[in-house]
C-alpha atoms as a PDB file:
ATOM      1  CA  MET A   1     341.153  44.359  39.782  1.00  0.00           C
ATOM      2  CA  ARG A   2     340.732  44.113  43.328  1.00  0.00           C
ATOM      3  CA  ILE A   3     339.980  40.456  45.070  1.00  0.00           C
ATOM      4  CA  LEU A   4     339.638  39.828  48.878  1.00  0.00           C
ATOM      5  CA  LEU A   5     339.935  36.590  50.459  1.00  0.00           C
ATOM      6  CA  VAL A   6     338.494  36.084  53.862  1.00  0.00           C
ATOM      7  CA  GLN A   7     339.649  33.382  56.329  1.00  0.00           C
ATOM      8  CA  THR A   8     339.396  34.268  59.828  1.00  0.00           C
ATOM      9  CA  ALA A   9     339.217  31.009  61.429  1.00  0.00           C
ATOM     10  CA  PHE A  10     342.000  29.063  63.174  1.00  0.00           C
ATOM     11  CA  LEU A  11     345.433  29.234  62.690  1.00  0.00           C
ATOM     12  CA  GLY A  12     345.732  25.602  61.097  1.00  0.00           C
ATOM     13  CA  ASP A  13     342.631  26.435  58.892  1.00  0.00           C
ATOM     14  CA  THR A  14     344.408  29.455  57.650  1.00  0.00           C
ATOM     15  CA  ILE A  15     347.405  27.468  56.528  1.00  0.00           C
ATOM     16  CA  LEU A  16     345.113  24.890  54.871  1.00  0.00           C
ATOM     17  CA  SER A  17     343.608  28.100  53.034  1.00  0.00           C
ATOM     18  CA  THR A  18     346.934  29.091  51.542  1.00  0.00           C
ATOM     19  CA  PRO A  19     346.205  27.358  48.191  1.00  0.00           C
ATOM     20  CA  VAL A  20     343.621  29.407  47.467  1.00  0.00           C
ATOM     21  CA  VAL A  21     345.701  32.490  47.080  1.00  0.00           C
ATOM     22  CA  GLU A  22     348.115  30.611  44.787  1.00  0.00           C
ATOM     23  CA  ASN A  23     345.053  29.672  42.445  1.00  0.00           C
ATOM     24  CA  LEU A  24     343.572  33.143  42.614  1.00  0.00           C
ATOM     25  CA  LYS A  25     346.588  34.499  41.381  1.00  0.00           C
ATOM     26  CA  SER A  26     347.042  32.005  38.623  1.00  0.00           C
ATOM     27  CA  ILE A  27     343.247  32.686  37.449  1.00  0.00           C
ATOM     28  CA  TYR A  28     343.720  36.544  37.667  1.00  0.00           C
ATOM     29  CA  PRO A  29     347.296  37.230  37.292  1.00  0.00           C
ATOM     30  CA  ASN A  30     346.885  40.809  37.108  1.00  0.00           C
ATOM     31  CA  ALA A  31     344.680  41.509  40.075  1.00  0.00           C
ATOM     32  CA  ASP A  32     345.743  42.643  43.454  1.00  0.00           C
ATOM     33  CA  ILE A  33     344.927  39.782  46.105  1.00  0.00           C
ATOM     34  CA  TYR A  34     343.968  40.891  49.691  1.00  0.00           C
ATOM     35  CA  THR A  35     343.337  38.715  52.328  1.00  0.00           C
ATOM     36  CA  LEU A  36     341.183  39.473  55.789  1.00  0.00           C
ATOM     37  CA  THR A  37     342.200  37.323  58.549  1.00  0.00           C
ATOM     38  CA  THR A  38     343.030  37.557  62.339  1.00  0.00           C
ATOM     39  CA  PRO A  39     346.048  39.211  63.579  1.00  0.00           C
ATOM     40  CA  LEU A  40     347.773  35.968  64.291  1.00  0.00           C
ATOM     41  CA  SER A  41     347.101  34.158  61.100  1.00  0.00           C
ATOM     42  CA  GLU A  42     347.896  37.282  58.973  1.00  0.00           C
ATOM     43  CA  ARG A  43     351.542  35.981  59.129  1.00  0.00           C
ATOM     44  CA  PHE A  44     350.414  32.969  56.933  1.00  0.00           C
ATOM     45  CA  PHE A  45     349.744  35.564  54.172  1.00  0.00           C
ATOM     46  CA  LYS A  46     351.652  38.636  54.995  1.00  0.00           C
ATOM     47  CA  TYR A  47     355.130  36.990  53.162  1.00  0.00           C
ATOM     48  CA  ASN A  48     353.192  35.816  50.507  1.00  0.00           C
ATOM     49  CA  PRO A  49     354.283  37.223  47.083  1.00  0.00           C
ATOM     50  CA  ASN A  50     350.990  36.710  45.461  1.00  0.00           C
ATOM     51  CA  VAL A  51     349.186  38.768  48.161  1.00  0.00           C
ATOM     52  CA  TYR A  52     349.145  42.398  47.833  1.00  0.00           C
ATOM     53  CA  LYS A  53     348.238  43.325  51.330  1.00  0.00           C
ATOM     54  CA  THR A  54     346.793  41.493  54.225  1.00  0.00           C
ATOM     55  CA  LEU A  55     344.010  42.991  56.360  1.00  0.00           C
ATOM     56  CA  THR A  56     342.947  41.959  59.841  1.00  0.00           C
ATOM     57  CA  TYR A  57     339.950  41.657  61.794  1.00  0.00           C
ATOM     58  CA  ASP A  58     340.135  40.945  65.525  1.00  0.00           C
ATOM     59  CA  LYS A  59     336.841  39.285  66.164  1.00  0.00           C
ATOM     60  CA  LYS A  60     338.026  38.153  69.462  1.00  0.00           C
ATOM     61  CA  ASN A  61     339.086  40.939  71.348  1.00  0.00           C
ATOM     62  CA  HIS A  62     337.135  43.771  68.791  1.00  0.00           C
ATOM     63  CA  GLY A  63     333.977  42.086  67.900  1.00  0.00           C
ATOM     64  CA  GLY A  64     331.385  44.399  68.991  1.00  0.00           C
ATOM     65  CA  ILE A  65     328.700  46.236  66.921  1.00  0.00           C
ATOM     66  CA  LYS A  66     330.762  49.122  66.713  1.00  0.00           C
ATOM     67  CA  ASP A  67     334.362  47.184  65.439  1.00  0.00           C
ATOM     68  CA  PHE A  68     331.862  45.463  62.962  1.00  0.00           C
ATOM     69  CA  PHE A  69     330.785  48.563  61.300  1.00  0.00           C
ATOM     70  CA  LYS A  70     333.935  49.970  61.498  1.00  0.00           C
ATOM     71  CA  GLN A  71     335.393  46.955  59.589  1.00  0.00           C
ATOM     72  CA  VAL A  72     332.577  47.224  57.099  1.00  0.00           C
ATOM     73  CA  LYS A  73     333.282  50.770  56.534  1.00  0.00           C
ATOM     74  CA  GLU A  74     337.076  49.723  56.096  1.00  0.00           C
ATOM     75  CA  LEU A  75     336.315  47.231  53.596  1.00  0.00           C
ATOM     76  CA  LYS A  76     334.142  49.535  51.713  1.00  0.00           C
ATOM     77  CA  SER A  77     337.145  51.916  51.125  1.00  0.00           C
ATOM     78  CA  TYR A  78     339.184  49.323  49.077  1.00  0.00           C
ATOM     79  CA  ASN A  79     336.519  49.189  46.229  1.00  0.00           C
ATOM     80  CA  PHE A  80     336.886  45.449  46.298  1.00  0.00           C
ATOM     81  CA  ASP A  81     335.653  44.066  42.443  1.00  0.00           C
ATOM     82  CA  MET A  82     334.852  40.478  44.141  1.00  0.00           C
ATOM     83  CA  VAL A  83     335.384  38.401  47.398  1.00  0.00           C
ATOM     84  CA  PHE A  84     335.683  35.081  48.002  1.00  0.00           C
ATOM     85  CA  SER A  85     334.740  33.761  51.682  1.00  0.00           C
ATOM     86  CA  LEU A  86     335.888  30.670  53.255  1.00  0.00           C
ATOM     87  CA  GLN A  87     334.460  31.826  56.338  1.00  0.00           C
ATOM     88  CA  LYS A  88     330.822  30.647  57.252  1.00  0.00           C
ATOM     89  CA  SER A  89     329.699  32.616  59.988  1.00  0.00           C
ATOM     90  CA  HIS A  90     326.443  34.909  60.019  1.00  0.00           C
ATOM     91  CA  ARG A  91     328.719  37.681  60.937  1.00  0.00           C
ATOM     92  CA  THR A  92     331.037  37.327  57.774  1.00  0.00           C
ATOM     93  CA  SER A  93     328.140  36.904  55.555  1.00  0.00           C
ATOM     94  CA  LEU A  94     326.383  40.053  56.731  1.00  0.00           C
ATOM     95  CA  MET A  95     329.448  41.925  56.850  1.00  0.00           C
ATOM     96  CA  LEU A  96     330.348  41.263  53.181  1.00  0.00           C
ATOM     97  CA  TYR A  97     326.775  41.949  51.957  1.00  0.00           C
ATOM     98  CA  LEU A  98     326.906  45.576  53.969  1.00  0.00           C
ATOM     99  CA  THR A  99     330.391  46.259  52.024  1.00  0.00           C
ATOM    100  CA  GLY A 100     328.165  46.481  48.494  1.00  0.00           C
ATOM    101  CA  ILE A 101     331.040  44.472  46.685  1.00  0.00           C
ATOM    102  CA  LYS A 102     329.407  43.517  43.474  1.00  0.00           C
ATOM    103  CA  ARG A 103     330.450  39.809  43.266  1.00  0.00           C
ATOM    104  CA  ARG A 104     330.685  37.911  46.845  1.00  0.00           C
ATOM    105  CA  VAL A 105     331.175  34.082  46.698  1.00  0.00           C
ATOM    106  CA  GLY A 106     330.460  32.056  49.679  1.00  0.00           C
ATOM    107  CA  PHE A 107     329.645  28.387  50.648  1.00  0.00           C
ATOM    108  CA  LYS A 108     326.069  27.069  50.473  1.00  0.00           C
ATOM    109  CA  SER A 109     326.617  26.000  54.158  1.00  0.00           C
ATOM    110  CA  ALA A 110     327.451  29.182  55.426  1.00  0.00           C
ATOM    111  CA  LYS A 111     325.024  30.744  57.833  1.00  0.00           C
ATOM    112  CA  LEU A 112     322.932  33.768  55.719  1.00  0.00           C
ATOM    113  CA  SER A 113     324.608  32.283  52.738  1.00  0.00           C
ATOM    114  CA  PHE A 114     321.412  33.762  50.786  1.00  0.00           C
ATOM    115  CA  LEU A 115     323.418  37.138  51.149  1.00  0.00           C
ATOM    116  CA  TYR A 116     326.105  35.946  48.822  1.00  0.00           C
ATOM    117  CA  THR A 117     325.765  36.488  45.140  1.00  0.00           C
ATOM    118  CA  GLU A 118     327.078  32.880  44.330  1.00  0.00           C
ATOM    119  CA  ARG A 119     326.895  30.000  46.810  1.00  0.00           C
ATOM    120  CA  ILE A 120     329.380  27.180  46.391  1.00  0.00           C
ATOM    121  CA  PHE A 121     328.806  23.473  47.554  1.00  0.00           C
ATOM    122  CA  ARG A 122     331.381  22.458  50.209  1.00  0.00           C
ATOM    123  CA  ASP A 123     332.222  18.785  50.085  1.00  0.00           C
ATOM    124  CA  THR A 124     332.782  17.886  53.643  1.00  0.00           C
ATOM    125  CA  THR A 125     333.968  14.258  52.744  1.00  0.00           C
ATOM    126  CA  LYS A 126     337.245  15.902  51.240  1.00  0.00           C
ATOM    127  CA  HIS A 127     340.174  17.064  52.876  1.00  0.00           C
ATOM    128  CA  ASP A 128     340.039  20.750  54.129  1.00  0.00           C
ATOM    129  CA  ALA A 129     342.634  21.854  51.685  1.00  0.00           C
ATOM    130  CA  LEU A 130     340.332  20.715  48.926  1.00  0.00           C
ATOM    131  CA  ARG A 131     337.218  22.185  50.666  1.00  0.00           C
ATOM    132  CA  ASN A 132     338.833  25.528  50.592  1.00  0.00           C
ATOM    133  CA  LEU A 133     339.646  25.099  47.026  1.00  0.00           C
ATOM    134  CA  SER A 134     336.302  24.437  45.998  1.00  0.00           C
ATOM    135  CA  ILE A 135     335.141  28.204  46.671  1.00  0.00           C
ATOM    136  CA  LEU A 136     337.035  28.775  43.398  1.00  0.00           C
ATOM    137  CA  SER A 137     334.678  26.039  41.478  1.00  0.00           C
ATOM    138  CA  ASN A 138     333.167  28.779  39.243  1.00  0.00           C
ATOM    139  CA  GLU A 139     336.603  30.040  38.281  1.00  0.00           C
ATOM    140  CA  THR A 140     338.145  26.696  37.592  1.00  0.00           C
ATOM    141  CA  LEU A 141     335.884  25.549  35.089  1.00  0.00           C
ATOM    142  CA  LYS A 142     338.154  26.617  32.150  1.00  0.00           C
ATOM    143  CA  GLU A 143     339.722  23.842  29.769  1.00  0.00           C
ATOM    144  CA  GLY A 144     342.942  22.519  30.780  1.00  0.00           C
ATOM    145  CA  PHE A 145     343.077  24.434  34.196  1.00  0.00           C
ATOM    146  CA  THR A 146     345.148  22.468  36.552  1.00  0.00           C
ATOM    147  CA  PRO A 147     344.636  23.654  40.363  1.00  0.00           C
ATOM    148  CA  LYS A 148     347.808  24.173  42.446  1.00  0.00           C
ATOM    149  CA  LEU A 149     347.076  21.767  45.520  1.00  0.00           C
ATOM    150  CA  ASP A 150     350.041  22.330  47.834  1.00  0.00           C
ATOM    151  CA  ILE A 151     350.181  24.360  50.862  1.00  0.00           C
ATOM    152  CA  LYS A 152     352.411  27.301  50.373  1.00  0.00           C
ATOM    153  CA  LEU A 153     353.941  29.261  53.345  1.00  0.00           C
ATOM    154  CA  TYR A 154     356.708  31.786  52.808  1.00  0.00           C
ATOM    155  CA  LEU A 155     359.358  32.366  55.331  1.00  0.00           C
ATOM    156  CA  PRO A 156     360.221  36.168  56.047  1.00  0.00           C
ATOM    157  CA  SER A 157     363.818  37.447  55.904  1.00  0.00           C
ATOM    158  CA  ARG A 158     366.556  36.721  58.820  1.00  0.00           C
ATOM    159  CA  GLU A 159     365.885  40.091  60.214  1.00  0.00           C
ATOM    160  CA  ILE A 160     362.062  39.657  60.608  1.00  0.00           C
ATOM    161  CA  ILE A 161     362.907  36.085  62.188  1.00  0.00           C
ATOM    162  CA  GLY A 162     365.564  37.466  64.420  1.00  0.00           C
ATOM    163  CA  GLU A 163     369.220  36.975  63.546  1.00  0.00           C
ATOM    164  CA  GLY A 164     369.878  35.851  67.170  1.00  0.00           C
ATOM    165  CA  PHE A 165     367.217  33.212  66.811  1.00  0.00           C
ATOM    166  CA  VAL A 166     368.260  31.783  63.312  1.00  0.00           C
ATOM    167  CA  GLU A 167     371.820  31.636  64.893  1.00  0.00           C
ATOM    168  CA  GLU A 168     370.846  29.777  67.853  1.00  0.00           C
ATOM    169  CA  ILE A 169     369.132  27.212  65.673  1.00  0.00           C
ATOM    170  CA  GLU A 170     371.968  27.096  63.278  1.00  0.00           C
ATOM    171  CA  ARG A 171     374.305  26.159  66.183  1.00  0.00           C
ATOM    172  CA  ILE A 172     372.030  23.468  67.428  1.00  0.00           C
ATOM    173  CA  GLY A 173     372.572  21.583  63.888  1.00  0.00           C
ATOM    174  CA  SER A 174     370.126  18.783  63.227  1.00  0.00           C
ATOM    175  CA  TYR A 175     367.011  18.371  65.657  1.00  0.00           C
ATOM    176  CA  ILE A 176     363.716  16.969  66.172  1.00  0.00           C
ATOM    177  CA  VAL A 177     360.659  18.876  67.279  1.00  0.00           C
ATOM    178  CA  LEU A 178     358.245  17.659  69.655  1.00  0.00           C
ATOM    179  CA  SER A 179     354.951  19.495  69.857  1.00  0.00           C
ATOM    180  CA  PRO A 180     352.932  17.947  72.598  1.00  0.00           C
ATOM    181  CA  GLY A 181     349.994  20.577  72.907  1.00  0.00           C
ATOM    182  CA  SER A 182     346.594  21.056  71.620  1.00  0.00           C
ATOM    183  CA  VAL A 183     343.483  23.332  72.624  1.00  0.00           C
ATOM    184  CA  TRP A 184     341.648  19.944  73.203  1.00  0.00           C
ATOM    185  CA  ASN A 185     342.871  17.917  76.168  1.00  0.00           C
ATOM    186  CA  THR A 186     341.930  14.622  74.272  1.00  0.00           C
ATOM    187  CA  LYS A 187     343.694  15.571  71.117  1.00  0.00           C
ATOM    188  CA  ARG A 188     346.839  15.413  73.162  1.00  0.00           C
ATOM    189  CA  TRP A 189     349.010  12.209  72.949  1.00  0.00           C
ATOM    190  CA  ASP A 190     349.842  11.026  76.488  1.00  0.00           C
ATOM    191  CA  LYS A 191     352.339  13.537  77.957  1.00  0.00           C
ATOM    192  CA  ASP A 192     354.423  10.363  79.549  1.00  0.00           C
ATOM    193  CA  GLU A 193     354.714   8.731  76.067  1.00  0.00           C
ATOM    194  CA  TYR A 194     356.216  12.171  74.870  1.00  0.00           C
ATOM    195  CA  LYS A 195     358.592  12.033  77.762  1.00  0.00           C
ATOM    196  CA  ALA A 196     359.403   8.329  77.026  1.00  0.00           C
ATOM    197  CA  LEU A 197     360.146   9.363  73.330  1.00  0.00           C
ATOM    198  CA  LEU A 198     362.091  12.576  74.164  1.00  0.00           C
ATOM    199  CA  ASN A 199     364.501  10.389  76.532  1.00  0.00           C
ATOM    200  CA  LYS A 200     364.659   7.618  73.992  1.00  0.00           C
ATOM    201  CA  LEU A 201     365.927  10.325  71.180  1.00  0.00           C
ATOM    202  CA  LEU A 202     368.356  11.944  73.630  1.00  0.00           C
ATOM    203  CA  LYS A 203     369.692   8.384  74.171  1.00  0.00           C
ATOM    204  CA  GLU A 204     370.070   7.856  70.626  1.00  0.00           C
ATOM    205  CA  GLY A 205     372.056  11.106  70.312  1.00  0.00           C
ATOM    206  CA  TYR A 206     369.370  13.720  68.701  1.00  0.00           C
ATOM    207  CA  ASN A 207     368.921  16.858  69.538  1.00  0.00           C
ATOM    208  CA  VAL A 208     365.242  17.506  70.897  1.00  0.00           C
ATOM    209  CA  ILE A 209     363.450  21.071  70.633  1.00  0.00           C
ATOM    210  CA  CYS A 210     359.989  21.241  72.467  1.00  0.00           C
ATOM    211  CA  SER A 211     357.684  23.744  70.520  1.00  0.00           C
ATOM    212  CA  GLY A 212     354.131  25.214  71.565  1.00  0.00           C
ATOM    213  CA  SER A 213     352.555  28.202  72.512  1.00  0.00           C
ATOM    214  CA  LYS A 214     352.640  29.966  75.978  1.00  0.00           C
ATOM    215  CA  SER A 215     349.681  28.034  77.404  1.00  0.00           C
ATOM    216  CA  GLU A 216     351.707  25.124  76.340  1.00  0.00           C
ATOM    217  CA  PHE A 217     354.783  25.418  78.330  1.00  0.00           C
ATOM    218  CA  GLU A 218     353.844  23.292  81.069  1.00  0.00           C
ATOM    219  CA  ILE A 219     353.086  20.240  79.308  1.00  0.00           C
ATOM    220  CA  CYS A 220     356.526  20.862  77.388  1.00  0.00           C
ATOM    221  CA  ASP A 221     358.092  21.818  80.813  1.00  0.00           C
ATOM    222  CA  TYR A 222     357.011  18.063  81.994  1.00  0.00           C
ATOM    223  CA  ILE A 223     358.315  16.359  78.959  1.00  0.00           C
ATOM    224  CA  SER A 224     361.597  18.135  78.976  1.00  0.00           C
ATOM    225  CA  ASN A 225     362.424  19.082  82.405  1.00  0.00           C
ATOM    226  CA  GLY A 226     365.814  17.626  83.830  1.00  0.00           C
ATOM    227  CA  THR A 227     367.075  16.847  80.396  1.00  0.00           C
ATOM    228  CA  LYS A 228     369.305  18.729  77.860  1.00  0.00           C
ATOM    229  CA  ALA A 229     366.251  19.205  75.337  1.00  0.00           C
ATOM    230  CA  ILE A 230     365.448  22.919  74.361  1.00  0.00           C
ATOM    231  CA  ASN A 231     361.788  23.919  75.703  1.00  0.00           C
ATOM    232  CA  LEU A 232     360.924  26.871  73.369  1.00  0.00           C
ATOM    233  CA  ALA A 233     357.105  26.862  74.048  1.00  0.00           C
ATOM    234  CA  GLY A 234     355.867  30.306  74.443  1.00  0.00           C
ATOM    235  CA  ARG A 235     359.037  32.062  73.436  1.00  0.00           C
ATOM    236  CA  THR A 236     358.902  31.883  69.719  1.00  0.00           C
ATOM    237  CA  THR A 237     356.701  34.220  67.253  1.00  0.00           C
ATOM    238  CA  ILE A 238     354.653  32.700  64.512  1.00  0.00           C
ATOM    239  CA  GLU A 239     357.656  33.392  61.897  1.00  0.00           C
ATOM    240  CA  GLN A 240     359.992  31.737  64.441  1.00  0.00           C
ATOM    241  CA  THR A 241     357.908  28.853  64.605  1.00  0.00           C
ATOM    242  CA  MET A 242     357.470  28.443  61.022  1.00  0.00           C
ATOM    243  CA  TYR A 243     361.549  28.662  60.660  1.00  0.00           C
ATOM    244  CA  LEU A 244     362.102  26.046  63.245  1.00  0.00           C
ATOM    245  CA  VAL A 245     359.864  23.509  61.457  1.00  0.00           C
ATOM    246  CA  SER A 246     361.278  24.167  57.980  1.00  0.00           C
ATOM    247  CA  LYS A 247     364.591  23.369  59.361  1.00  0.00           C
ATOM    248  CA  ALA A 248     363.610  20.326  61.462  1.00  0.00           C
ATOM    249  CA  LYS A 249     364.757  16.817  60.702  1.00  0.00           C
ATOM    250  CA  GLY A 250     361.593  15.578  61.889  1.00  0.00           C
ATOM    251  CA  VAL A 251     358.472  16.427  64.011  1.00  0.00           C
ATOM    252  CA  VAL A 252     355.993  14.439  66.195  1.00  0.00           C
ATOM    253  CA  CYS A 253     353.003  16.326  67.014  1.00  0.00           C
ATOM    254  CA  ASN A 254     349.176  15.862  67.658  1.00  0.00           C
ATOM    255  CA  ASP A 255     346.255  16.970  65.209  1.00  0.00           C
ATOM    256  CA  SER A 256     347.052  20.666  65.535  1.00  0.00           C
ATOM    257  CA  MET A 257     348.653  23.233  63.719  1.00  0.00           C
ATOM    258  CA  MET A 258     351.908  22.041  63.749  1.00  0.00           C
ATOM    259  CA  LEU A 259     351.064  19.126  61.529  1.00  0.00           C
ATOM    260  CA  HIS A 260     349.724  21.713  58.829  1.00  0.00           C
ATOM    261  CA  LEU A 261     353.248  23.309  59.211  1.00  0.00           C
ATOM    262  CA  THR A 262     354.932  20.207  58.187  1.00  0.00           C
ATOM    263  CA  SER A 263     353.058  19.638  55.310  1.00  0.00           C
ATOM    264  CA  ALA A 264     353.711  23.203  54.225  1.00  0.00           C
ATOM    265  CA  PHE A 265     357.490  22.697  54.308  1.00  0.00           C
ATOM    266  CA  LYS A 266     357.388  18.813  53.570  1.00  0.00           C
ATOM    267  CA  VAL A 267     358.802  17.752  56.727  1.00  0.00           C
ATOM    268  CA  PRO A 268     359.191  14.145  58.071  1.00  0.00           C
ATOM    269  CA  CYS A 269     356.254  14.238  60.316  1.00  0.00           C
ATOM    270  CA  VAL A 270     354.366  11.448  62.876  1.00  0.00           C
ATOM    271  CA  VAL A 271     351.270  12.764  63.797  1.00  0.00           C
ATOM    272  CA  VAL A 272     349.298  10.923  66.708  1.00  0.00           C
ATOM    273  CA  PHE A 273     345.512  11.225  66.145  1.00  0.00           C
ATOM    274  CA  CYS A 274     343.793  10.789  69.561  1.00  0.00           C
ATOM    275  CA  ALA A 275     340.166  11.709  69.948  1.00  0.00           C
ATOM    276  CA  THR A 276     339.885  12.754  66.402  1.00  0.00           C
ATOM    277  CA  VAL A 277     340.489  10.882  63.166  1.00  0.00           C
ATOM    278  CA  PRO A 278     341.779  11.970  59.707  1.00  0.00           C
ATOM    279  CA  GLU A 279     338.636  11.371  58.135  1.00  0.00           C
ATOM    280  CA  PHE A 280     337.427  14.729  59.160  1.00  0.00           C
ATOM    281  CA  GLY A 281     339.872  16.139  56.583  1.00  0.00           C
ATOM    282  CA  PHE A 282     342.631  17.853  58.470  1.00  0.00           C
ATOM    283  CA  GLY A 283     345.306  15.068  58.029  1.00  0.00           C
ATOM    284  CA  PRO A 284     348.674  15.496  56.468  1.00  0.00           C
ATOM    285  CA  TRP A 285     348.515  16.996  52.935  1.00  0.00           C
ATOM    286  CA  GLN A 286     350.853  16.505  50.125  1.00  0.00           C
ATOM    287  CA  ASN A 287     353.454  15.632  52.380  1.00  0.00           C
ATOM    288  CA  GLU A 288     355.114  12.010  51.374  1.00  0.00           C
ATOM    289  CA  LYS A 289     357.003  11.812  54.652  1.00  0.00           C
ATOM    290  CA  ALA A 290     354.218  12.228  57.025  1.00  0.00           C
ATOM    291  CA  VAL A 291     353.006   8.838  58.985  1.00  0.00           C
ATOM    292  CA  ILE A 292     349.752   8.714  60.948  1.00  0.00           C
ATOM    293  CA  LEU A 293     349.543   6.702  63.971  1.00  0.00           C
ATOM    294  CA  GLU A 294     346.047   5.980  65.759  1.00  0.00           C
ATOM    295  CA  ASP A 295     344.165   3.376  67.538  1.00  0.00           C
ATOM    296  CA  LYS A 296     341.789   2.291  65.163  1.00  0.00           C
ATOM    297  CA  ASN A 297     340.247  -0.572  67.351  1.00  0.00           C
ATOM    298  CA  LEU A 298     338.310   1.851  69.769  1.00  0.00           C
ATOM    299  CA  LYS A 299     334.943   2.058  69.150  1.00  0.00           C
ATOM    300  CA  CYS A 300     334.612   5.541  71.176  1.00  0.00           C
ATOM    301  CA  ARG A 301     336.698   7.219  68.315  1.00  0.00           C
ATOM    302  CA  PRO A 302     335.919  10.081  67.366  1.00  0.00           C
ATOM    303  CA  CYS A 303     334.240  11.388  70.308  1.00  0.00           C
ATOM    304  CA  GLY A 304     333.865  14.907  68.816  1.00  0.00           C
ATOM    305  CA  ARG A 305     334.606  17.166  66.051  1.00  0.00           C
ATOM    306  CA  HIS A 306     337.515  18.686  68.028  1.00  0.00           C
ATOM    307  CA  GLY A 307     337.700  16.210  70.527  1.00  0.00           C
ATOM    308  CA  THR A 308     336.818  16.919  74.125  1.00  0.00           C
ATOM    309  CA  LYS A 309     338.438  18.529  77.345  1.00  0.00           C
ATOM    310  CA  VAL A 310     337.858  15.360  79.399  1.00  0.00           C
ATOM    311  CA  CYS A 311     337.424  11.759  78.300  1.00  0.00           C
ATOM    312  CA  LYS A 312     334.100  10.814  78.279  1.00  0.00           C
ATOM    313  CA  LEU A 313     334.871   7.294  79.421  1.00  0.00           C
ATOM    314  CA  GLY A 314     337.424   8.201  81.895  1.00  0.00           C
ATOM    315  CA  THR A 315     339.948   5.959  79.951  1.00  0.00           C
ATOM    316  CA  ASN A 316     342.039   8.269  77.768  1.00  0.00           C
ATOM    317  CA  ALA A 317     342.662   4.908  75.739  1.00  0.00           C
ATOM    318  CA  CYS A 318     342.989   6.825  72.477  1.00  0.00           C
ATOM    319  CA  GLN A 319     346.033   8.728  74.004  1.00  0.00           C
ATOM    320  CA  LYS A 320     347.822   5.740  74.872  1.00  0.00           C
ATOM    321  CA  VAL A 321     349.918   4.801  71.619  1.00  0.00           C
ATOM    322  CA  SER A 322     353.222   3.299  72.401  1.00  0.00           C
ATOM    323  CA  HIS A 323     356.360   5.713  72.163  1.00  0.00           C
ATOM    324  CA  LEU A 324     358.232   2.924  70.819  1.00  0.00           C
ATOM    325  CA  GLU A 325     355.981   2.778  67.908  1.00  0.00           C
ATOM    326  CA  VAL A 326     356.168   6.223  67.251  1.00  0.00           C
ATOM    327  CA  TYR A 327     360.016   6.092  67.420  1.00  0.00           C
ATOM    328  CA  LYS A 328     360.171   3.473  64.965  1.00  0.00           C
ATOM    329  CA  LYS A 329     358.150   5.201  62.465  1.00  0.00           C
ATOM    330  CA  LEU A 330     359.806   8.684  62.877  1.00  0.00           C
ATOM    331  CA  MET A 331     363.387   6.615  62.410  1.00  0.00           C
ATOM    332  CA  GLU A 332     361.823   5.101  59.090  1.00  0.00           C
ATOM    333  CA  ILE A 333     361.003   8.664  57.595  1.00  0.00           C
ATOM    334  CA  ILE A 334     364.136  10.277  58.726  1.00  0.00           C
ATOM    335  CA  LYS A 335     366.683   8.033  57.555  1.00  0.00           C
END
């Protein structure tokens, strides 16, 4: 039996989808589980022993009509017995319909959901990990079945991570990771507070590594420049970032992918929620050493599902949580 799981959303969303793989394998132990995701997100499934093969769809750079039908043709060639789609776009609904896969399970809230053979209710009041798991609602009705809830990420070999990188991290020893970036500006904790936290950590004798994407190099450079902290923004692969987080003593981050990495590896984490709120379903998950800091007294929060590029009030008040408060909570969970 061949089963396909589709998730072509953001990196963080993909991480929160990993429990679906674990449960699919428990329900169908003899099936070959395939995943369809973006080229970047593929790494979160690629090293999972429960995934038979990862397929990719580069909808960002190759999302034209020709590429669409090419993807349909490729999926047809695998003769899948069933597909579970976490993606809710009209493009995905139509693509899977055209593959002719006999059993197609999607969410009722998906666009063109009538093209699925089974439509599942997605409870938006729950954490996103549970929303994703609900796609298996018809599979988990068996008496006595207990779903696996943990986010699961698997590290590749040292060779794939890079022997040089692993040795560099090992030489550092114990360290704290600061991840100040986010695609949305109002989801970023104030950079000067990050800088003050970094300096306090260094003063107290902690090693500090700043992590982020290439586009986040500038903010990481701002908070680390002139100090002995290491700025790895834009210098690490997804695999190296996973390794970096898995070995960290603690992490401070925003509402971002980094938060979900700490949940996967059960790493102590202080996450500062600014424009968004944990009630959206993207807070820490199954991580006892994760702490949320936010200003609950601001009536303007949340200002959007993903935050905004610019504060609508011009105050940036939600980003002003004190670095001393963050430091205090971090010390409580790493000791």
